[in-house]
Every structure is written in C-alpha cells, then in structure tokens.
Amino acid sequence: MAVLALTCGDPNGIGPEIVTEAWLRREREHVPAFYMLGDPKLLAARARQAGHAVPIIETGPQEAEHAFTDALPVVPLQNAFRDEAGAADPGNAPGIIEAIERGVADVLQGRADAVVTSPIAKKSLYEAGFGFPGHTEFLADLVARATGRDVTPVMMLAGLDLRTVPVTIHIPLADVPATLTERMIVETGRITAHDLARRFGIANPRLAIAGLNPHAGEGGTIGQEEDLVVGPAIEVLRGEGIDAFGPLPADTMFHPSARTRYDAALCMYHDQALIPAKALAFDQAVNVTLGLPFIRTSPDHGTAFEIAGKGVARPDSLIAALKLARTLADHESRAAAR
C-alpha cells in the first residue's frame, strides 16, 4: 500500500475544487495516490460547477490506491455538510473535525502512509465549540489520546528554496518576548534537526537561528533576548552535536547567498518565519508538522471563501503538499528499515 489520507477541510472553501483539480493533474504532475475523507456528492457537485467531469468512487482506504488511476477515491463521512460555496458555516464543524480524526486514525493504524489536511476556517470551528488554536494543536491532542504520548508539534513552512520554523506561533506579537524561553528554542531545534535527518534525508542538518530583535539585538543595545535566551539555547544545541548557529539578524538571513548556509531557519515568531517563506513560494510552500509520530502536510493557504465555487483556485500548494508527504513518508520508511 502506498496511499495518502487527505482530509476535506472546510467544504465551503476552495478545498473541493483544488482536490478535484489535483486528481485531474495526477499524470501530468505525478501526483501520488490519495483518498479524500469527505462528502462524495458535494465533491461531485463542486466539480461539475467548475466544469469538470470527475469520476468519483466511494471506497475504503485499502482500495484507494488501486482505484486512484481511474477515479477520485472518497471515503464518506458520517456527518453531512451544508454545501454553500463561500459561506463559513459552523454547522459543518462536526464533519470537518471527523475528517481530521479519521485521517489521523488511518495513518496511526497503518491504513495510510501520511495525512494531508485541507484548509479549515478557524473562526467557524471556534463558533461551534472547537477548543484548539488550530490544526497543529488538535493533531497533538489526537496523538495523546490515541497513544498516551505527549508530543510537541513543530510547524515548518517548506518551499523549494527555504524552510522556516517559528518557535512561537499563534500568539500576539506583544507576548513573544515573555513567552520565548531557552527551553522552547532548544526543543524546537532538536525536533527540527531530528525530522530533517529522518524524514527529509539530510544527514547533518544545519540550523540558522534568528535573533528576536532588530540586528539581533546589536550587542545588547536593542534588546537582551539574544544574550539571555537565544544565544544560550544555541550553545545547548551545539553541545548536543547539532549544527546550529546564530543569533542572526533576520533582515539578512533570507537572501539567496545566505540561504545556502543552512537547511532550515528557526525564527522567533510567526511572521518572522512565514513572511520570507510565502514571499519566495506563495503557491508552492507546504505546511509540515514536525514532531508527530506520523507525516502531516498541508497547503500553505486558507479556505479562500471569496473565490470558492468560481473555478479559479489553484491546486499548486495542495499538489506540493501531497508530493512532499509522499517523499517524507518514503524517507521515513527507508530510515526505519536501516
């Protein structure tokens, strides 16, 4: 078996369109086999709305790889969706959550090699009582419930020319200095180095560590965090044999020559990591969750309600997420066999 589980995400966003478009490009762009956890009727209706005749087959995970050549395999959900392209609907939350839960169960139980998650709209999930900041934290909770293991999920944005990792993620910028700790940086660096080696196939990962302040603190004249928090964390990582260096001024880390010096950049807050990644590869960047006992990738864009149902959404990032999930799963399989 070599198949990926793809969650439906928010069905009223662009997810259904980019899924069908990805399947239509399966041969031309070498899209790996996947099945979608979702609503077959909604998917078929949205494909017709976009002018595509897409054969859809209801199947189980075990049959999906064989079916993928001739039809788009869909594993139906128990919860139904209200189909209204472009409308955020809290009533769809049970099905969206069910798809994520079943995708994680499939990969943990060996029915799929990795899980790829389509975009969700956090606001409508919150309105329905969803108690997690986003996908990443929910995935960690599902792992803990299924295995009894606490995990630390780490977010990576992976493009063709740059991989960035934010140490702090979805918190206000004003809270970053008080939240950032040496321990957080060290743990993020360890997980990043481990997964770069095991899943990305990079034998000796090089980590560039950004400073928090302008000019990396300018020797303590524009902030003390580099001396008190970031620098000590780098020394711990280096003491463990990880090739980490910095703190570096973030404004000089991302030009072409600088990027040749490292395999991933650890950044101190969300936008410090995501702005360069999206600027360089907005349509091809992939969100990867490190630190989980399975592979998870996702397109690096949202639900795009404003263009849903109009047939103009591009599947590039989803295709990149599917391809990267396949590559990472293959790397991990080879690493486990050694």
Protein backbone atom coordinates (compact mmCIF):
# COMPACT_ATOMS: atom_id res chain seq x y z
CA MET A 1 0.00 0.00 0.00
CA ALA A 2 1.21 3.50 -0.86
CA VAL A 3 -1.59 5.97 -0.33
CA LEU A 4 -2.15 9.28 1.46
CA ALA A 5 -5.17 10.30 3.52
CA LEU A 6 -6.47 13.76 2.53
CA THR A 7 -8.96 15.49 4.82
CA CYS A 8 -11.71 17.57 3.24
CA GLY A 9 -11.08 20.74 5.25
CA ASP A 10 -13.88 23.30 5.08
CA PRO A 11 -16.15 22.07 2.26
CA ASN A 12 -17.43 25.58 1.54
CA GLY A 13 -13.94 26.86 0.78
CA ILE A 14 -11.76 26.04 -2.20
CA GLY A 15 -10.85 22.59 -0.86
CA PRO A 16 -13.19 20.56 -3.11
CA GLU A 17 -12.03 22.42 -6.22
CA ILE A 18 -8.33 22.01 -5.62
CA VAL A 19 -8.79 18.33 -4.70
CA THR A 20 -10.51 17.55 -7.98
CA GLU A 21 -8.00 19.66 -9.91
CA ALA A 22 -5.12 17.82 -8.21
CA TRP A 23 -6.63 14.48 -9.25
CA LEU A 24 -7.09 15.70 -12.82
CA ARG A 25 -3.37 16.57 -12.92
CA ARG A 26 -2.31 13.22 -11.43
CA GLU A 27 -0.45 12.04 -14.53
CA ARG A 28 0.90 15.35 -15.83
CA GLU A 29 2.28 16.43 -12.44
CA HIS A 30 2.93 12.97 -10.96
CA VAL A 31 0.52 13.43 -8.07
CA PRO A 32 0.83 10.50 -5.64
CA ALA A 33 -2.18 8.32 -4.86
CA PHE A 34 -4.55 9.70 -2.22
CA TYR A 35 -8.09 9.31 -0.98
CA MET A 36 -10.22 12.09 0.45
CA LEU A 37 -12.20 11.85 3.65
CA GLY A 38 -15.29 13.85 2.78
CA ASP A 39 -18.67 14.01 1.06
CA PRO A 40 -18.73 12.35 -2.39
CA LYS A 41 -21.90 14.15 -3.52
CA LEU A 42 -20.60 17.59 -2.53
CA LEU A 43 -17.30 16.90 -4.25
CA ALA A 44 -19.05 15.79 -7.45
CA ALA A 45 -21.34 18.82 -7.41
CA ARG A 46 -18.44 21.24 -6.93
CA ALA A 47 -16.50 19.55 -9.75
CA ARG A 48 -19.49 20.00 -12.11
CA GLN A 49 -19.78 23.62 -11.01
CA ALA A 50 -16.16 24.14 -12.07
CA GLY A 51 -16.85 22.48 -15.41
CA HIS A 52 -15.04 19.20 -14.69
CA ALA A 53 -16.32 15.67 -15.25
CA VAL A 54 -14.54 13.84 -12.44
CA PRO A 55 -15.37 10.19 -11.77
CA ILE A 56 -15.69 9.70 -8.02
CA ILE A 57 -15.71 6.35 -6.28
CA GLU A 58 -16.71 5.64 -2.69
CA THR A 59 -14.09 3.37 -1.23
CA GLY A 60 -12.16 2.36 1.83
CA PRO A 61 -8.51 3.28 2.41
CA GLN A 62 -7.30 -0.18 1.45
CA GLU A 63 -8.81 0.01 -2.03
CA ALA A 64 -7.94 3.63 -2.73
CA GLU A 65 -4.52 3.14 -4.31
CA HIS A 66 -5.87 0.76 -6.93
CA ALA A 67 -8.90 2.97 -7.61
CA PHE A 68 -6.90 6.20 -7.92
CA THR A 69 -5.85 5.61 -11.52
CA ASP A 70 -9.39 5.76 -12.88
CA ALA A 71 -11.42 7.65 -10.26
CA LEU A 72 -11.05 10.00 -7.32
CA PRO A 73 -11.40 7.81 -4.21
CA VAL A 74 -13.58 9.25 -1.42
CA VAL A 75 -14.10 7.68 2.00
CA PRO A 76 -17.53 9.00 3.10
CA LEU A 77 -18.01 10.68 6.46
CA GLN A 78 -20.85 10.04 8.88
CA ASN A 79 -21.54 13.77 9.32
CA ALA A 80 -23.23 15.59 6.45
CA PHE A 81 -22.29 19.02 5.09
CA ARG A 82 -24.33 22.01 4.02
CA ASP A 83 -23.00 22.91 0.59
CA GLU A 84 -22.83 26.67 0.12
CA ALA A 85 -19.61 27.72 -1.56
CA GLY A 86 -18.09 30.79 0.04
CA ALA A 87 -20.07 30.64 3.29
CA ALA A 88 -18.39 29.90 6.62
CA ASP A 89 -20.86 27.57 8.33
CA PRO A 90 -20.34 26.40 11.94
CA GLY A 91 -22.83 23.63 11.18
CA ASN A 92 -20.17 21.92 9.08
CA ALA A 93 -17.74 21.70 12.01
CA PRO A 94 -18.63 18.10 13.05
CA GLY A 95 -17.76 16.76 9.60
CA ILE A 96 -14.58 18.83 9.32
CA ILE A 97 -13.42 17.52 12.71
CA GLU A 98 -14.46 13.96 11.88
CA ALA A 99 -12.31 14.02 8.74
CA ILE A 100 -9.23 15.08 10.72
CA GLU A 101 -9.85 12.47 13.41
CA ARG A 102 -10.30 9.69 10.87
CA GLY A 103 -7.27 10.76 8.85
CA VAL A 104 -5.09 10.59 11.97
CA ALA A 105 -6.58 7.22 12.92
CA ASP A 106 -5.89 5.86 9.44
CA VAL A 107 -2.23 6.83 9.50
CA LEU A 108 -1.68 5.69 13.10
CA GLN A 109 -3.25 2.32 12.28
CA GLY A 110 -1.31 1.84 9.06
CA ARG A 111 -4.13 2.35 6.55
CA ALA A 112 -2.37 5.41 5.11
CA ASP A 113 1.26 6.48 4.87
CA ALA A 114 0.67 10.13 5.79
CA VAL A 115 -2.13 12.62 6.32
CA VAL A 116 -2.57 15.78 4.25
CA THR A 117 -5.01 18.30 5.65
CA SER A 118 -7.06 20.69 3.53
CA PRO A 119 -7.60 24.25 4.81
CA ILE A 120 -10.02 24.94 7.66
CA ALA A 121 -11.66 28.17 8.81
CA LYS A 122 -10.81 28.51 12.48
CA LYS A 123 -13.49 31.12 13.24
CA SER A 124 -16.41 28.90 12.24
CA LEU A 125 -14.89 25.99 14.18
CA TYR A 126 -14.49 28.19 17.25
CA GLU A 127 -18.15 29.21 16.93
CA ALA A 128 -19.04 25.50 17.02
CA GLY A 129 -17.01 24.94 20.21
CA PHE A 130 -13.67 23.74 18.77
CA GLY A 131 -11.20 24.12 21.62
CA PHE A 132 -7.85 24.28 19.84
CA PRO A 133 -5.96 27.20 18.26
CA GLY A 134 -5.61 25.27 15.01
CA HIS A 135 -4.81 22.03 13.20
CA THR A 136 -1.40 21.59 14.81
CA GLU A 137 -2.57 21.62 18.42
CA PHE A 138 -5.55 19.38 17.59
CA LEU A 139 -3.27 16.82 15.96
CA ALA A 140 -1.08 16.72 19.08
CA ASP A 141 -4.18 16.11 21.22
CA LEU A 142 -5.34 13.29 18.95
CA VAL A 143 -1.92 11.65 19.24
CA ALA A 144 -2.00 11.92 23.03
CA ARG A 145 -5.48 10.38 23.18
CA ALA A 146 -4.62 7.57 20.76
CA THR A 147 -1.17 6.64 22.08
CA GLY A 148 -0.89 8.08 25.58
CA ARG A 149 2.17 10.04 24.41
CA ASP A 150 2.54 13.77 24.75
CA VAL A 151 4.19 15.26 21.69
CA THR A 152 5.47 18.72 20.86
CA PRO A 153 4.30 19.66 17.37
CA VAL A 154 6.58 21.99 15.45
CA MET A 155 5.38 23.99 12.45
CA MET A 156 7.58 24.21 9.37
CA LEU A 157 6.98 26.09 6.14
CA ALA A 158 8.81 24.20 3.39
CA GLY A 159 9.40 25.64 -0.06
CA LEU A 160 11.79 24.79 -2.85
CA ASP A 161 14.47 27.22 -1.61
CA LEU A 162 13.67 27.79 2.05
CA ARG A 163 12.42 26.01 5.15
CA THR A 164 11.41 28.13 8.14
CA VAL A 165 10.29 27.14 11.63
CA PRO A 166 8.59 29.58 14.03
CA VAL A 167 9.42 28.89 17.67
CA THR A 168 6.35 30.77 18.90
CA ILE A 169 3.30 30.59 16.67
CA HIS A 170 -0.24 31.86 17.19
CA ILE A 171 0.24 34.38 19.96
CA PRO A 172 0.17 38.19 19.92
CA LEU A 173 3.47 39.77 18.97
CA ALA A 174 3.44 41.70 22.25
CA ASP A 175 3.54 38.38 24.15
CA VAL A 176 6.51 36.89 22.30
CA PRO A 177 9.38 38.24 24.47
CA ALA A 178 7.84 36.95 27.69
CA THR A 179 6.83 33.61 26.14
CA LEU A 180 10.11 32.80 24.40
CA THR A 181 12.42 30.63 26.51
CA GLU A 182 15.73 28.86 26.07
CA ARG A 183 13.93 25.55 26.55
CA MET A 184 11.45 26.29 23.73
CA ILE A 185 14.23 27.09 21.29
CA VAL A 186 16.23 24.01 22.26
CA GLU A 187 13.23 21.67 21.95
CA THR A 188 12.22 23.17 18.61
CA GLY A 189 15.80 22.84 17.35
CA ARG A 190 16.06 19.21 18.46
CA ILE A 191 12.80 18.23 16.76
CA THR A 192 13.68 20.12 13.60
CA ALA A 193 17.13 18.52 13.35
CA HIS A 194 15.71 15.05 14.04
CA ASP A 195 13.00 15.29 11.38
CA LEU A 196 15.29 16.88 8.81
CA ALA A 197 17.54 13.86 9.18
CA ARG A 198 14.91 11.12 9.38
CA ARG A 199 12.19 12.45 7.10
CA PHE A 200 13.97 14.86 4.76
CA GLY A 201 17.04 12.67 4.34
CA ILE A 202 19.53 15.41 5.35
CA ALA A 203 22.39 13.64 7.10
CA ASN A 204 23.76 16.61 9.07
CA PRO A 205 21.11 19.34 9.23
CA ARG A 206 22.30 22.94 9.57
CA LEU A 207 20.07 25.26 11.59
CA ALA A 208 20.28 29.03 11.30
CA ILE A 209 18.81 30.67 14.40
CA ALA A 210 17.30 34.15 14.09
CA GLY A 211 17.51 36.77 16.75
CA LEU A 212 14.37 38.31 18.19
CA ASN A 213 15.28 41.97 17.98
CA PRO A 214 16.39 44.19 15.07
CA HIS A 215 20.02 43.47 14.15
CA ALA A 216 19.90 40.51 16.57
CA GLY A 217 19.99 42.94 19.47
CA GLU A 218 23.00 44.92 18.24
CA GLY A 219 25.22 43.62 21.05
CA GLY A 220 22.56 44.18 23.68
CA THR A 221 21.77 47.78 22.75
CA ILE A 222 18.40 46.89 21.11
CA GLY A 223 17.33 44.11 23.48
CA GLN A 224 18.73 41.45 25.77
CA GLU A 225 16.94 38.33 24.49
CA GLU A 226 19.78 37.32 22.18
CA ASP A 227 22.26 37.25 25.06
CA LEU A 228 19.93 35.84 27.72
CA VAL A 229 17.74 33.38 25.78
CA VAL A 230 18.66 32.74 22.13
CA GLY A 231 22.44 32.52 22.45
CA PRO A 232 22.38 30.06 25.40
CA ALA A 233 19.90 27.85 23.51
CA ILE A 234 22.25 27.70 20.54
CA GLU A 235 25.09 26.63 22.82
CA VAL A 236 22.95 23.78 24.20
CA LEU A 237 22.09 22.60 20.68
CA ARG A 238 25.73 22.75 19.62
CA GLY A 239 26.71 20.82 22.73
CA GLU A 240 24.34 18.06 21.60
CA GLY A 241 26.07 17.83 18.23
CA ILE A 242 23.51 19.85 16.26
CA ASP A 243 24.98 22.26 13.73
CA ALA A 244 23.19 25.40 14.93
CA PHE A 245 24.50 28.93 14.58
CA GLY A 246 23.39 32.50 15.34
CA PRO A 247 21.66 34.54 16.60
CA LEU A 248 21.41 36.13 13.18
CA PRO A 249 19.75 39.39 12.15
CA ALA A 250 16.53 38.35 10.47
CA ASP A 251 16.84 41.02 7.79
CA THR A 252 19.96 39.39 6.32
CA MET A 253 19.07 35.70 6.70
CA PHE A 254 16.96 35.11 3.65
CA HIS A 255 18.77 36.42 0.60
CA PRO A 256 19.98 33.76 -1.87
CA SER A 257 23.58 33.58 -0.67
CA ALA A 258 22.58 33.35 3.00
CA ARG A 259 20.13 30.52 2.31
CA THR A 260 22.92 28.29 1.00
CA ARG A 261 24.40 28.12 4.51
CA TYR A 262 21.54 26.29 6.22
CA ASP A 263 18.83 23.65 5.81
CA ALA A 264 16.23 25.35 8.00
CA ALA A 265 15.86 28.70 9.71
CA LEU A 266 14.49 28.82 13.25
CA CYS A 267 12.60 32.07 13.74
CA MET A 268 11.39 33.54 16.98
CA TYR A 269 7.82 34.43 15.98
CA HIS A 270 5.17 33.63 13.41
CA ASP A 271 5.62 36.37 10.81
CA GLN A 272 9.41 36.29 11.01
CA ALA A 273 9.17 32.75 9.63
CA LEU A 274 6.13 32.96 7.35
CA ILE A 275 6.80 36.21 5.52
CA PRO A 276 10.01 35.05 3.78
CA ALA A 277 8.60 31.57 3.12
CA LYS A 278 5.45 32.92 1.50
CA ALA A 279 7.24 35.70 -0.34
CA LEU A 280 9.51 33.16 -2.03
CA ALA A 281 6.95 30.43 -2.75
CA PHE A 282 3.40 31.54 -2.07
CA ASP A 283 1.80 28.96 -4.38
CA GLN A 284 4.23 26.11 -3.69
CA ALA A 285 5.03 26.37 0.03
CA VAL A 286 3.87 23.50 2.25
CA ASN A 287 3.00 23.48 5.93
CA VAL A 288 4.67 20.49 7.60
CA THR A 289 4.12 19.45 11.20
CA LEU A 290 7.29 18.05 12.72
CA GLY A 291 7.45 16.13 15.99
CA LEU A 292 4.45 13.87 15.34
CA PRO A 293 4.65 10.06 15.08
CA PHE A 294 3.37 10.36 11.51
CA ILE A 295 3.77 12.62 8.48
CA ARG A 296 1.40 15.57 8.19
CA THR A 297 1.49 18.21 5.48
CA SER A 298 -0.95 20.88 4.37
CA PRO A 299 -1.25 23.53 1.66
CA ASP A 300 0.09 26.85 2.88
CA HIS A 301 -3.07 28.85 2.28
CA GLY A 302 -6.52 29.25 3.74
CA THR A 303 -10.07 28.41 2.68
CA ALA A 304 -10.29 31.41 0.30
CA PHE A 305 -14.06 31.70 0.68
CA GLU A 306 -14.03 34.76 -1.58
CA ILE A 307 -13.16 32.66 -4.65
CA ALA A 308 -14.78 29.36 -3.66
CA GLY A 309 -17.00 27.90 -6.34
CA LYS A 310 -15.66 30.18 -9.06
CA GLY A 311 -13.27 27.69 -10.66
CA VAL A 312 -10.21 29.90 -10.33
CA ALA A 313 -8.48 28.35 -7.30
CA ARG A 314 -5.00 26.98 -7.99
CA PRO A 315 -4.07 23.49 -6.70
CA ASP A 316 -0.29 24.09 -6.71
CA SER A 317 0.19 24.15 -2.95
CA LEU A 318 -2.03 21.10 -2.42
CA ILE A 319 -0.12 19.18 -5.08
CA ALA A 320 3.15 20.24 -3.42
CA ALA A 321 1.78 19.07 -0.03
CA LEU A 322 0.81 15.68 -1.47
CA LYS A 323 4.18 15.23 -3.17
CA LEU A 324 6.12 16.25 -0.06
CA ALA A 325 4.05 13.93 2.13
CA ARG A 326 4.89 11.05 -0.21
CA THR A 327 8.60 11.95 -0.20
CA LEU A 328 8.77 12.27 3.59
CA ALA A 329 6.92 9.00 4.12
CA ASP A 330 9.32 7.23 1.78
CA HIS A 331 12.35 8.72 3.56
CA GLU A 332 11.00 7.63 6.93
CA SER A 333 10.26 4.14 5.65
CA ARG A 334 13.84 3.78 4.45
CA ALA A 335 15.19 5.17 7.74
CA ALA A 336 13.11 2.67 9.72
CA ALA A 337 14.39 -0.20 7.58
CA ARG A 338 18.04 0.61 8.30
